[in-house]
Amino acid sequence: MQNPKISIVVPTYGRTELLKDLISSVRTSTPQDNYEFVVVASDLPEADKIKWLSQQGDVKLILTGQRKKWELRKQSLYYFTNLGIKKAKNEWVFVVNDDMFFDQNWYKEFEMLVSNPTSSNVGMIIVATHIGSTSLGARVATIGKTKKDDGWKDLYLSDLSIIKKEVLEEIGYFDENLKWYGSGADNSLAVEFLTNKETLVAEKIIVNHLIAKENRNSLTEDAFTDFHYISDKWNVWCEKNGYQYVCDFLIDPYTLKNKFKHDLIKRVRILQHHVKSLLFG
C-alpha cells in the first residue's frame, strides 16, 4: 500500500507547547495529504491553545469535558480517545499522548511496512517508545504469551500502536471501564482473541515520549483497579472460549486490605491536588 493514510488521535488537556511540538514533528516528517490530526481537548474554549488549534487546517478539533485547572477528568481517558477514533476518517489510527514527538523517519518506515505484501493481514502495528522512563530508551515490551489455535505466541504491550480503524471497531474500541492503566495489555489481548488479524512489532517506527512531569493521570486512577479488571475480564473470556494467556500484571493480590490501601492512596492524591490548586491556583 503506497501512501497509507493515517489519523493521529490526541486526547489532550493543557501542555500547549508540548502539543505544538508533537504537531510540528508530524508535519515535518509526514506527507501533507497522508495524515490528519483528531485532537480531543478538554481545555476551556477561550484558552489560547484552543484558539491556536482552531486555526490549524490539518486539525479536526473536538471540544468536550471542559474543566478548570482544579477539576479532575470527568470521564475515563478512553471515553475521550474513542470520541477521536470515531471521528477519524483514515484507514489507520494512531492514538498518542500530547507529550510525544515523532521520529523523522517514522512515516517512511510505516509506509515500507504496510506496502510489503506479507503485511496484508496486519491489523495492529506496535511501535517503539519509552515505557515508564525515558532512560530505558525506546523499545517494545513483551508482557506474556497467548494460546489461540496455533500454539503459544508472545504477547506485546501495545500502549503505542497503529491500528486499523476496522479492527478498533471489531474489538469495540478502547475499553472505557479502564480509567488509564492497562489499555496496552487489553488491546493486545483483544486483537489476538477477537479478530483474525495479525499483530506486528515495528521497532524502527519510533515515537519519543517525554513523559511530562506533572503526572496528571495518576490522580483518580490506580493500576490495582485497572489491572485486576483486565485480569478478571480475560480470565472469564478465555475460560468460556477455550483460549489461554499468561501475563504478570505486577500488582498486589486482590484482597479487601489491598483494595482499601489503594483506595486510600487515590483519595490522598485527590485531596493533595485540590489543596495545591486552592493554595497556588
C-alpha atoms as a PDB file:
ATOM      1  CA  MET A   1       0.000   0.000   0.000  1.00  0.00           C
ATOM      2  CA  GLN A   2       1.620   3.227  -1.173  1.00  0.00           C
ATOM      3  CA  ASN A   3       0.917   6.470   0.716  1.00  0.00           C
ATOM      4  CA  PRO A   4      -1.110   4.891   3.534  1.00  0.00           C
ATOM      5  CA  LYS A   5      -3.460   7.349   5.197  1.00  0.00           C
ATOM      6  CA  ILE A   6      -3.362   7.711   8.957  1.00  0.00           C
ATOM      7  CA  SER A   7      -5.419   9.576  11.574  1.00  0.00           C
ATOM      8  CA  ILE A   8      -3.427  10.716  14.607  1.00  0.00           C
ATOM      9  CA  VAL A   9      -5.745  10.915  17.626  1.00  0.00           C
ATOM     10  CA  VAL A  10      -4.599  13.051  20.564  1.00  0.00           C
ATOM     11  CA  PRO A  11      -6.630  13.366  23.778  1.00  0.00           C
ATOM     12  CA  THR A  12      -5.293  16.489  25.481  1.00  0.00           C
ATOM     13  CA  TYR A  13      -5.583  18.894  28.372  1.00  0.00           C
ATOM     14  CA  GLY A  14      -3.046  21.667  28.991  1.00  0.00           C
ATOM     15  CA  ARG A  15       0.502  21.039  27.731  1.00  0.00           C
ATOM     16  CA  THR A  16       0.173  23.641  24.974  1.00  0.00           C
ATOM     17  CA  GLU A  17       3.809  23.804  23.927  1.00  0.00           C
ATOM     18  CA  LEU A  18       4.272  20.044  24.071  1.00  0.00           C
ATOM     19  CA  LEU A  19       1.244  19.560  21.823  1.00  0.00           C
ATOM     20  CA  LYS A  20       2.599  22.125  19.355  1.00  0.00           C
ATOM     21  CA  ASP A  21       5.905  20.241  19.263  1.00  0.00           C
ATOM     22  CA  LEU A  22       4.045  16.994  18.604  1.00  0.00           C
ATOM     23  CA  ILE A  23       2.118  18.512  15.720  1.00  0.00           C
ATOM     24  CA  SER A  24       5.263  20.082  14.276  1.00  0.00           C
ATOM     25  CA  SER A  25       7.114  16.752  14.407  1.00  0.00           C
ATOM     26  CA  VAL A  26       4.393  15.107  12.325  1.00  0.00           C
ATOM     27  CA  ARG A  27       4.232  17.944   9.823  1.00  0.00           C
ATOM     28  CA  THR A  28       7.970  17.806   9.156  1.00  0.00           C
ATOM     29  CA  SER A  29       8.086  14.020   8.770  1.00  0.00           C
ATOM     30  CA  THR A  30       4.844  13.097   7.000  1.00  0.00           C
ATOM     31  CA  PRO A  31       3.440  13.900   3.534  1.00  0.00           C
ATOM     32  CA  GLN A  32       0.719  16.501   3.987  1.00  0.00           C
ATOM     33  CA  ASP A  33      -2.074  14.551   2.299  1.00  0.00           C
ATOM     34  CA  ASN A  34      -1.423  11.347   4.221  1.00  0.00           C
ATOM     35  CA  TYR A  35      -2.400  12.338   7.751  1.00  0.00           C
ATOM     36  CA  GLU A  36      -4.937  14.205   9.822  1.00  0.00           C
ATOM     37  CA  PHE A  37      -4.945  15.171  13.480  1.00  0.00           C
ATOM     38  CA  VAL A  38      -8.030  14.465  15.566  1.00  0.00           C
ATOM     39  CA  VAL A  39      -7.483  16.423  18.776  1.00  0.00           C
ATOM     40  CA  VAL A  40      -9.930  15.802  21.635  1.00  0.00           C
ATOM     41  CA  ALA A  41      -9.411  18.693  24.054  1.00  0.00           C
ATOM     42  CA  SER A  42     -10.860  19.337  27.499  1.00  0.00           C
ATOM     43  CA  ASP A  43      -9.417  22.841  27.756  1.00  0.00           C
ATOM     44  CA  LEU A  44     -11.731  25.813  28.154  1.00  0.00           C
ATOM     45  CA  PRO A  45     -12.917  27.230  24.790  1.00  0.00           C
ATOM     46  CA  GLU A  46     -11.321  30.628  25.482  1.00  0.00           C
ATOM     47  CA  ALA A  47      -7.871  29.144  26.078  1.00  0.00           C
ATOM     48  CA  ASP A  48      -5.085  30.289  23.741  1.00  0.00           C
ATOM     49  CA  LYS A  49      -4.375  26.651  22.976  1.00  0.00           C
ATOM     50  CA  ILE A  50      -7.905  26.136  21.634  1.00  0.00           C
ATOM     51  CA  LYS A  51      -7.743  29.335  19.600  1.00  0.00           C
ATOM     52  CA  TRP A  52      -4.495  28.123  18.032  1.00  0.00           C
ATOM     53  CA  LEU A  53      -5.827  24.636  17.321  1.00  0.00           C
ATOM     54  CA  SER A  54      -8.929  26.127  15.688  1.00  0.00           C
ATOM     55  CA  GLN A  55      -6.697  27.853  13.139  1.00  0.00           C
ATOM     56  CA  GLN A  56      -4.828  24.701  12.069  1.00  0.00           C
ATOM     57  CA  GLY A  57      -6.041  23.307   8.761  1.00  0.00           C
ATOM     58  CA  ASP A  58      -4.825  19.767   9.437  1.00  0.00           C
ATOM     59  CA  VAL A  59      -6.514  19.534  12.858  1.00  0.00           C
ATOM     60  CA  LYS A  60     -10.020  18.215  13.443  1.00  0.00           C
ATOM     61  CA  LEU A  61     -10.836  19.639  16.879  1.00  0.00           C
ATOM     62  CA  ILE A  62     -13.324  18.081  19.293  1.00  0.00           C
ATOM     63  CA  LEU A  63     -14.102  20.078  22.454  1.00  0.00           C
ATOM     64  CA  THR A  64     -15.589  18.056  25.282  1.00  0.00           C
ATOM     65  CA  GLY A  65     -15.252  17.513  29.026  1.00  0.00           C
ATOM     66  CA  GLN A  66     -14.094  21.087  29.601  1.00  0.00           C
ATOM     67  CA  ARG A  67     -12.611  21.620  33.036  1.00  0.00           C
ATOM     68  CA  LYS A  68     -10.777  24.191  35.047  1.00  0.00           C
ATOM     69  CA  LYS A  69      -7.325  23.567  36.462  1.00  0.00           C
ATOM     70  CA  TRP A  70      -8.611  22.385  39.824  1.00  0.00           C
ATOM     71  CA  GLU A  71     -11.169  19.990  38.302  1.00  0.00           C
ATOM     72  CA  LEU A  72     -10.417  16.343  37.599  1.00  0.00           C
ATOM     73  CA  ARG A  73     -11.065  14.494  34.358  1.00  0.00           C
ATOM     74  CA  LYS A  74     -14.805  13.949  34.037  1.00  0.00           C
ATOM     75  CA  GLN A  75     -14.721  10.595  32.242  1.00  0.00           C
ATOM     76  CA  SER A  76     -12.265   7.822  31.549  1.00  0.00           C
ATOM     77  CA  LEU A  77      -9.364   8.819  29.305  1.00  0.00           C
ATOM     78  CA  TYR A  78     -10.647   6.209  26.871  1.00  0.00           C
ATOM     79  CA  TYR A  79     -14.024   7.895  26.583  1.00  0.00           C
ATOM     80  CA  PHE A  80     -12.202  10.836  25.005  1.00  0.00           C
ATOM     81  CA  THR A  81      -9.936   8.530  22.998  1.00  0.00           C
ATOM     82  CA  ASN A  82     -12.927   6.754  21.487  1.00  0.00           C
ATOM     83  CA  LEU A  83     -14.575  10.045  20.530  1.00  0.00           C
ATOM     84  CA  GLY A  84     -11.488  10.824  18.476  1.00  0.00           C
ATOM     85  CA  ILE A  85     -11.288   7.378  16.893  1.00  0.00           C
ATOM     86  CA  LYS A  86     -14.915   7.505  15.777  1.00  0.00           C
ATOM     87  CA  LYS A  87     -14.295  10.848  14.032  1.00  0.00           C
ATOM     88  CA  ALA A  88     -11.149   9.596  12.287  1.00  0.00           C
ATOM     89  CA  LYS A  89     -11.539   9.312   8.521  1.00  0.00           C
ATOM     90  CA  ASN A  90      -8.464   7.273   7.567  1.00  0.00           C
ATOM     91  CA  GLU A  91      -7.813   3.534   7.405  1.00  0.00           C
ATOM     92  CA  TRP A  92      -5.131   3.558  10.096  1.00  0.00           C
ATOM     93  CA  VAL A  93      -5.485   5.168  13.541  1.00  0.00           C
ATOM     94  CA  PHE A  94      -2.599   6.159  15.793  1.00  0.00           C
ATOM     95  CA  VAL A  95      -3.535   7.213  19.351  1.00  0.00           C
ATOM     96  CA  VAL A  96      -0.731   9.198  21.006  1.00  0.00           C
ATOM     97  CA  ASN A  97      -0.192  11.263  24.139  1.00  0.00           C
ATOM     98  CA  ASP A  98       0.212  15.022  23.941  1.00  0.00           C
ATOM     99  CA  ASP A  99       3.739  14.827  25.398  1.00  0.00           C
ATOM    100  CA  MET A 100       5.217  12.861  22.482  1.00  0.00           C
ATOM    101  CA  PHE A 101       7.031  13.747  19.291  1.00  0.00           C
ATOM    102  CA  PHE A 102       7.640  11.692  16.170  1.00  0.00           C
ATOM    103  CA  ASP A 103      10.952  10.460  14.823  1.00  0.00           C
ATOM    104  CA  GLN A 104      11.735  11.932  11.394  1.00  0.00           C
ATOM    105  CA  ASN A 105      11.728   8.520   9.718  1.00  0.00           C
ATOM    106  CA  TRP A 106       8.582   7.152  11.301  1.00  0.00           C
ATOM    107  CA  TYR A 107       6.308   7.534   8.274  1.00  0.00           C
ATOM    108  CA  LYS A 108       8.861   6.122   5.810  1.00  0.00           C
ATOM    109  CA  GLU A 109       9.181   3.027   7.993  1.00  0.00           C
ATOM    110  CA  PHE A 110       5.395   2.773   8.340  1.00  0.00           C
ATOM    111  CA  GLU A 111       4.874   3.052   4.586  1.00  0.00           C
ATOM    112  CA  MET A 112       7.527   0.423   3.814  1.00  0.00           C
ATOM    113  CA  LEU A 113       5.992  -1.945   6.315  1.00  0.00           C
ATOM    114  CA  VAL A 114       2.380  -1.736   5.138  1.00  0.00           C
ATOM    115  CA  SER A 115       3.461  -1.778   1.471  1.00  0.00           C
ATOM    116  CA  ASN A 116       5.044  -5.185   1.967  1.00  0.00           C
ATOM    117  CA  PRO A 117       2.690  -7.942   0.684  1.00  0.00           C
ATOM    118  CA  THR A 118       3.492 -10.031   3.757  1.00  0.00           C
ATOM    119  CA  SER A 119       1.757  -7.366   5.882  1.00  0.00           C
ATOM    120  CA  SER A 120      -1.614  -7.675   4.158  1.00  0.00           C
ATOM    121  CA  ASN A 121      -3.307  -9.225   7.212  1.00  0.00           C
ATOM    122  CA  VAL A 122      -1.727  -6.962   9.834  1.00  0.00           C
ATOM    123  CA  GLY A 123      -4.295  -5.181  11.984  1.00  0.00           C
ATOM    124  CA  MET A 124      -2.063  -3.686  14.694  1.00  0.00           C
ATOM    125  CA  ILE A 125       1.489  -2.369  14.459  1.00  0.00           C
ATOM    126  CA  ILE A 126       3.231  -1.894  17.809  1.00  0.00           C
ATOM    127  CA  VAL A 127       5.901   0.806  17.662  1.00  0.00           C
ATOM    128  CA  ALA A 128       8.857   1.635  19.876  1.00  0.00           C
ATOM    129  CA  THR A 129       8.604   4.260  22.596  1.00  0.00           C
ATOM    130  CA  HIS A 130       9.749   4.978  26.147  1.00  0.00           C
ATOM    131  CA  ILE A 131       7.825   2.831  28.611  1.00  0.00           C
ATOM    132  CA  GLY A 132       7.818   4.239  32.127  1.00  0.00           C
ATOM    133  CA  SER A 133      11.158   6.037  31.862  1.00  0.00           C
ATOM    134  CA  THR A 134      12.995   7.825  29.065  1.00  0.00           C
ATOM    135  CA  SER A 135      16.293   6.492  30.461  1.00  0.00           C
ATOM    136  CA  LEU A 136      15.332   2.993  29.340  1.00  0.00           C
ATOM    137  CA  GLY A 137      15.178   4.042  25.692  1.00  0.00           C
ATOM    138  CA  ALA A 138      12.521   3.434  23.054  1.00  0.00           C
ATOM    139  CA  ARG A 139      11.503  -0.209  22.924  1.00  0.00           C
ATOM    140  CA  VAL A 140       8.670  -2.713  22.612  1.00  0.00           C
ATOM    141  CA  ALA A 141       7.978  -4.755  25.744  1.00  0.00           C
ATOM    142  CA  THR A 142       6.991  -8.423  25.913  1.00  0.00           C
ATOM    143  CA  ILE A 143       4.472  -8.921  28.719  1.00  0.00           C
ATOM    144  CA  GLY A 144       3.336 -12.527  28.363  1.00  0.00           C
ATOM    145  CA  LYS A 145       2.045 -15.173  25.968  1.00  0.00           C
ATOM    146  CA  THR A 146      -1.239 -16.212  24.375  1.00  0.00           C
ATOM    147  CA  LYS A 147      -2.520 -19.520  23.054  1.00  0.00           C
ATOM    148  CA  LYS A 148      -5.276 -19.485  20.468  1.00  0.00           C
ATOM    149  CA  ASP A 149      -5.211 -22.185  17.778  1.00  0.00           C
ATOM    150  CA  ASP A 150      -1.598 -22.456  16.713  1.00  0.00           C
ATOM    151  CA  GLY A 151       0.447 -22.731  19.890  1.00  0.00           C
ATOM    152  CA  TRP A 152       1.841 -20.123  22.241  1.00  0.00           C
ATOM    153  CA  LYS A 153       2.719 -16.659  20.915  1.00  0.00           C
ATOM    154  CA  ASP A 154       4.433 -13.691  22.533  1.00  0.00           C
ATOM    155  CA  LEU A 155       2.136 -11.006  23.911  1.00  0.00           C
ATOM    156  CA  TYR A 156       3.403  -7.452  23.496  1.00  0.00           C
ATOM    157  CA  LEU A 157       2.482  -4.256  25.288  1.00  0.00           C
ATOM    158  CA  SER A 158       0.616  -2.132  22.740  1.00  0.00           C
ATOM    159  CA  ASP A 159       0.473   1.180  24.614  1.00  0.00           C
ATOM    160  CA  LEU A 160       1.675   2.866  21.437  1.00  0.00           C
ATOM    161  CA  SER A 161       0.325   1.188  18.329  1.00  0.00           C
ATOM    162  CA  ILE A 162      -1.041   1.938  14.885  1.00  0.00           C
ATOM    163  CA  ILE A 163      -4.323   0.071  14.453  1.00  0.00           C
ATOM    164  CA  LYS A 164      -6.692  -0.278  11.530  1.00  0.00           C
ATOM    165  CA  LYS A 165      -9.946   1.521  12.220  1.00  0.00           C
ATOM    166  CA  GLU A 166     -11.931  -1.556  11.225  1.00  0.00           C
ATOM    167  CA  VAL A 167     -10.013  -3.545  13.864  1.00  0.00           C
ATOM    168  CA  LEU A 168     -10.829  -0.972  16.538  1.00  0.00           C
ATOM    169  CA  GLU A 169     -14.475  -1.217  15.539  1.00  0.00           C
ATOM    170  CA  GLU A 170     -14.312  -5.016  15.720  1.00  0.00           C
ATOM    171  CA  ILE A 171     -12.855  -5.070  19.254  1.00  0.00           C
ATOM    172  CA  GLY A 172     -15.272  -2.403  20.470  1.00  0.00           C
ATOM    173  CA  TYR A 173     -12.711   0.427  20.645  1.00  0.00           C
ATOM    174  CA  PHE A 174     -10.739   1.125  23.827  1.00  0.00           C
ATOM    175  CA  ASP A 175     -12.378  -0.270  26.957  1.00  0.00           C
ATOM    176  CA  GLU A 176     -13.855   2.708  28.799  1.00  0.00           C
ATOM    177  CA  ASN A 177     -14.095   0.724  32.032  1.00  0.00           C
ATOM    178  CA  LEU A 178     -10.363   1.328  32.314  1.00  0.00           C
ATOM    179  CA  LYS A 179      -9.507   4.710  33.751  1.00  0.00           C
ATOM    180  CA  TRP A 180      -5.934   4.960  32.444  1.00  0.00           C
ATOM    181  CA  TYR A 181      -3.784   1.902  33.105  1.00  0.00           C
ATOM    182  CA  GLY A 182      -3.734  -1.293  31.104  1.00  0.00           C
ATOM    183  CA  SER A 183      -5.032  -0.414  27.654  1.00  0.00           C
ATOM    184  CA  GLY A 184      -1.802  -1.717  26.123  1.00  0.00           C
ATOM    185  CA  ALA A 185      -2.367  -5.181  27.566  1.00  0.00           C
ATOM    186  CA  ASP A 186      -6.117  -5.106  26.979  1.00  0.00           C
ATOM    187  CA  ASN A 187      -5.888  -4.115  23.301  1.00  0.00           C
ATOM    188  CA  SER A 188      -3.169  -6.688  22.621  1.00  0.00           C
ATOM    189  CA  LEU A 189      -5.373  -9.437  24.019  1.00  0.00           C
ATOM    190  CA  ALA A 190      -8.432  -8.106  22.185  1.00  0.00           C
ATOM    191  CA  VAL A 191      -6.758  -8.053  18.766  1.00  0.00           C
ATOM    192  CA  GLU A 192      -5.347 -11.552  19.303  1.00  0.00           C
ATOM    193  CA  PHE A 193      -8.524 -13.159  20.634  1.00  0.00           C
ATOM    194  CA  LEU A 194     -11.358 -11.192  18.990  1.00  0.00           C
ATOM    195  CA  THR A 195     -10.037 -10.786  15.424  1.00  0.00           C
ATOM    196  CA  ASN A 196      -8.221 -12.808  12.785  1.00  0.00           C
ATOM    197  CA  LYS A 197      -5.711 -10.006  12.217  1.00  0.00           C
ATOM    198  CA  GLU A 198      -2.003 -10.213  12.954  1.00  0.00           C
ATOM    199  CA  THR A 199      -0.015  -8.026  15.336  1.00  0.00           C
ATOM    200  CA  LEU A 200       3.353  -6.821  14.091  1.00  0.00           C
ATOM    201  CA  VAL A 201       6.212  -5.326  16.112  1.00  0.00           C
ATOM    202  CA  ALA A 202       7.943  -2.433  14.321  1.00  0.00           C
ATOM    203  CA  GLU A 203      10.924  -1.280  16.372  1.00  0.00           C
ATOM    204  CA  LYS A 204      12.121   1.018  13.573  1.00  0.00           C
ATOM    205  CA  ILE A 205       8.989   3.155  13.943  1.00  0.00           C
ATOM    206  CA  ILE A 206       9.883   5.375  16.890  1.00  0.00           C
ATOM    207  CA  VAL A 207       7.801   7.932  18.745  1.00  0.00           C
ATOM    208  CA  ASN A 208       9.582   9.678  21.590  1.00  0.00           C
ATOM    209  CA  HIS A 209       7.686  10.043  24.847  1.00  0.00           C
ATOM    210  CA  LEU A 210       8.824  12.915  27.022  1.00  0.00           C
ATOM    211  CA  ILE A 211       6.698  11.694  29.978  1.00  0.00           C
ATOM    212  CA  ALA A 212       5.633  15.116  31.273  1.00  0.00           C
ATOM    213  CA  LYS A 213       6.428  15.660  34.940  1.00  0.00           C
ATOM    214  CA  GLU A 214       3.055  16.715  36.299  1.00  0.00           C
ATOM    215  CA  ASN A 215       1.864  13.073  36.211  1.00  0.00           C
ATOM    216  CA  ARG A 216      -1.710  14.312  35.856  1.00  0.00           C
ATOM    217  CA  ASN A 217      -3.170  10.887  35.019  1.00  0.00           C
ATOM    218  CA  SER A 218      -2.425   9.364  38.415  1.00  0.00           C
ATOM    219  CA  LEU A 219      -4.932  11.430  40.377  1.00  0.00           C
ATOM    220  CA  THR A 220      -8.107   9.369  40.052  1.00  0.00           C
ATOM    221  CA  GLU A 221      -6.742   6.119  38.648  1.00  0.00           C
ATOM    222  CA  ASP A 222      -4.763   3.254  40.067  1.00  0.00           C
ATOM    223  CA  ALA A 223      -3.083   0.266  38.490  1.00  0.00           C
ATOM    224  CA  PHE A 224      -4.547  -2.076  41.109  1.00  0.00           C
ATOM    225  CA  THR A 225      -8.127  -1.470  39.978  1.00  0.00           C
ATOM    226  CA  ASP A 226      -7.494  -1.354  36.236  1.00  0.00           C
ATOM    227  CA  PHE A 227      -5.257  -4.417  36.002  1.00  0.00           C
ATOM    228  CA  HIS A 228      -7.497  -6.547  38.197  1.00  0.00           C
ATOM    229  CA  TYR A 229     -10.383  -5.567  35.932  1.00  0.00           C
ATOM    230  CA  ILE A 230      -8.405  -6.712  32.863  1.00  0.00           C
ATOM    231  CA  SER A 231      -7.353  -9.940  34.554  1.00  0.00           C
ATOM    232  CA  ASP A 232     -10.909 -10.823  35.581  1.00  0.00           C
ATOM    233  CA  LYS A 233     -12.270  -9.879  32.155  1.00  0.00           C
ATOM    234  CA  TRP A 234      -9.898 -12.059  30.138  1.00  0.00           C
ATOM    235  CA  ASN A 235      -9.843 -14.947  32.617  1.00  0.00           C
ATOM    236  CA  VAL A 236     -13.601 -15.301  32.226  1.00  0.00           C
ATOM    237  CA  TRP A 237     -13.471 -14.868  28.443  1.00  0.00           C
ATOM    238  CA  CYS A 238     -10.682 -17.423  27.941  1.00  0.00           C
ATOM    239  CA  GLU A 239     -12.341 -19.974  30.175  1.00  0.00           C
ATOM    240  CA  LYS A 240     -15.543 -19.623  28.165  1.00  0.00           C
ATOM    241  CA  ASN A 241     -13.834 -19.811  24.757  1.00  0.00           C
ATOM    242  CA  GLY A 242     -11.058 -22.303  25.408  1.00  0.00           C
ATOM    243  CA  TYR A 243      -8.114 -19.936  24.854  1.00  0.00           C
ATOM    244  CA  GLN A 244      -5.252 -19.222  27.209  1.00  0.00           C
ATOM    245  CA  TYR A 245      -2.971 -16.368  28.151  1.00  0.00           C
ATOM    246  CA  VAL A 246      -0.188 -15.771  30.633  1.00  0.00           C
ATOM    247  CA  CYS A 247       0.571 -12.243  31.798  1.00  0.00           C
ATOM    248  CA  ASP A 248       2.051 -10.950  35.038  1.00  0.00           C
ATOM    249  CA  PHE A 249       0.446  -7.578  35.740  1.00  0.00           C
ATOM    250  CA  LEU A 250       2.782  -6.993  38.726  1.00  0.00           C
ATOM    251  CA  ILE A 251       0.026  -5.888  41.082  1.00  0.00           C
ATOM    252  CA  ASP A 252      -0.957  -6.769  44.626  1.00  0.00           C
ATOM    253  CA  PRO A 253      -3.345  -9.717  45.036  1.00  0.00           C
ATOM    254  CA  TYR A 254      -6.984  -8.734  45.237  1.00  0.00           C
ATOM    255  CA  THR A 255      -7.923  -8.614  48.919  1.00  0.00           C
ATOM    256  CA  LEU A 256     -10.097  -6.240  50.893  1.00  0.00           C
ATOM    257  CA  LYS A 257      -6.974  -4.979  52.654  1.00  0.00           C
ATOM    258  CA  ASN A 258      -5.223  -4.197  49.375  1.00  0.00           C
ATOM    259  CA  LYS A 259      -8.356  -2.629  47.909  1.00  0.00           C
ATOM    260  CA  PHE A 260      -8.675  -0.351  50.937  1.00  0.00           C
ATOM    261  CA  LYS A 261      -4.979   0.561  50.712  1.00  0.00           C
ATOM    262  CA  HIS A 262      -5.159   1.564  47.055  1.00  0.00           C
ATOM    263  CA  ASP A 263      -8.444   3.422  47.515  1.00  0.00           C
ATOM    264  CA  LEU A 264      -6.863   5.401  50.359  1.00  0.00           C
ATOM    265  CA  ILE A 265      -3.799   6.264  48.257  1.00  0.00           C
ATOM    266  CA  LYS A 266      -6.077   7.526  45.491  1.00  0.00           C
ATOM    267  CA  ARG A 267      -8.143   9.668  47.873  1.00  0.00           C
ATOM    268  CA  VAL A 268      -4.999  11.210  49.364  1.00  0.00           C
ATOM    269  CA  ARG A 269      -3.734  12.116  45.881  1.00  0.00           C
ATOM    270  CA  ILE A 270      -7.036  13.773  45.035  1.00  0.00           C
ATOM    271  CA  LEU A 271      -7.018  15.741  48.307  1.00  0.00           C
ATOM    272  CA  GLN A 272      -3.436  16.882  47.668  1.00  0.00           C
ATOM    273  CA  HIS A 273      -4.434  18.029  44.182  1.00  0.00           C
ATOM    274  CA  HIS A 274      -7.314  20.144  45.479  1.00  0.00           C
ATOM    275  CA  VAL A 275      -5.220  21.662  48.289  1.00  0.00           C
ATOM    276  CA  LYS A 276      -2.443  22.535  45.830  1.00  0.00           C
ATOM    277  CA  SER A 277      -4.945  24.094  43.432  1.00  0.00           C
ATOM    278  CA  LEU A 278      -6.505  26.119  46.246  1.00  0.00           C
ATOM    279  CA  LEU A 279      -3.170  27.409  47.503  1.00  0.00           C
ATOM    280  CA  PHE A 280      -1.343  28.004  44.237  1.00  0.00           C
ATOM    281  CA  GLY A 281      -4.106  28.340  41.638  1.00  0.00           C
END
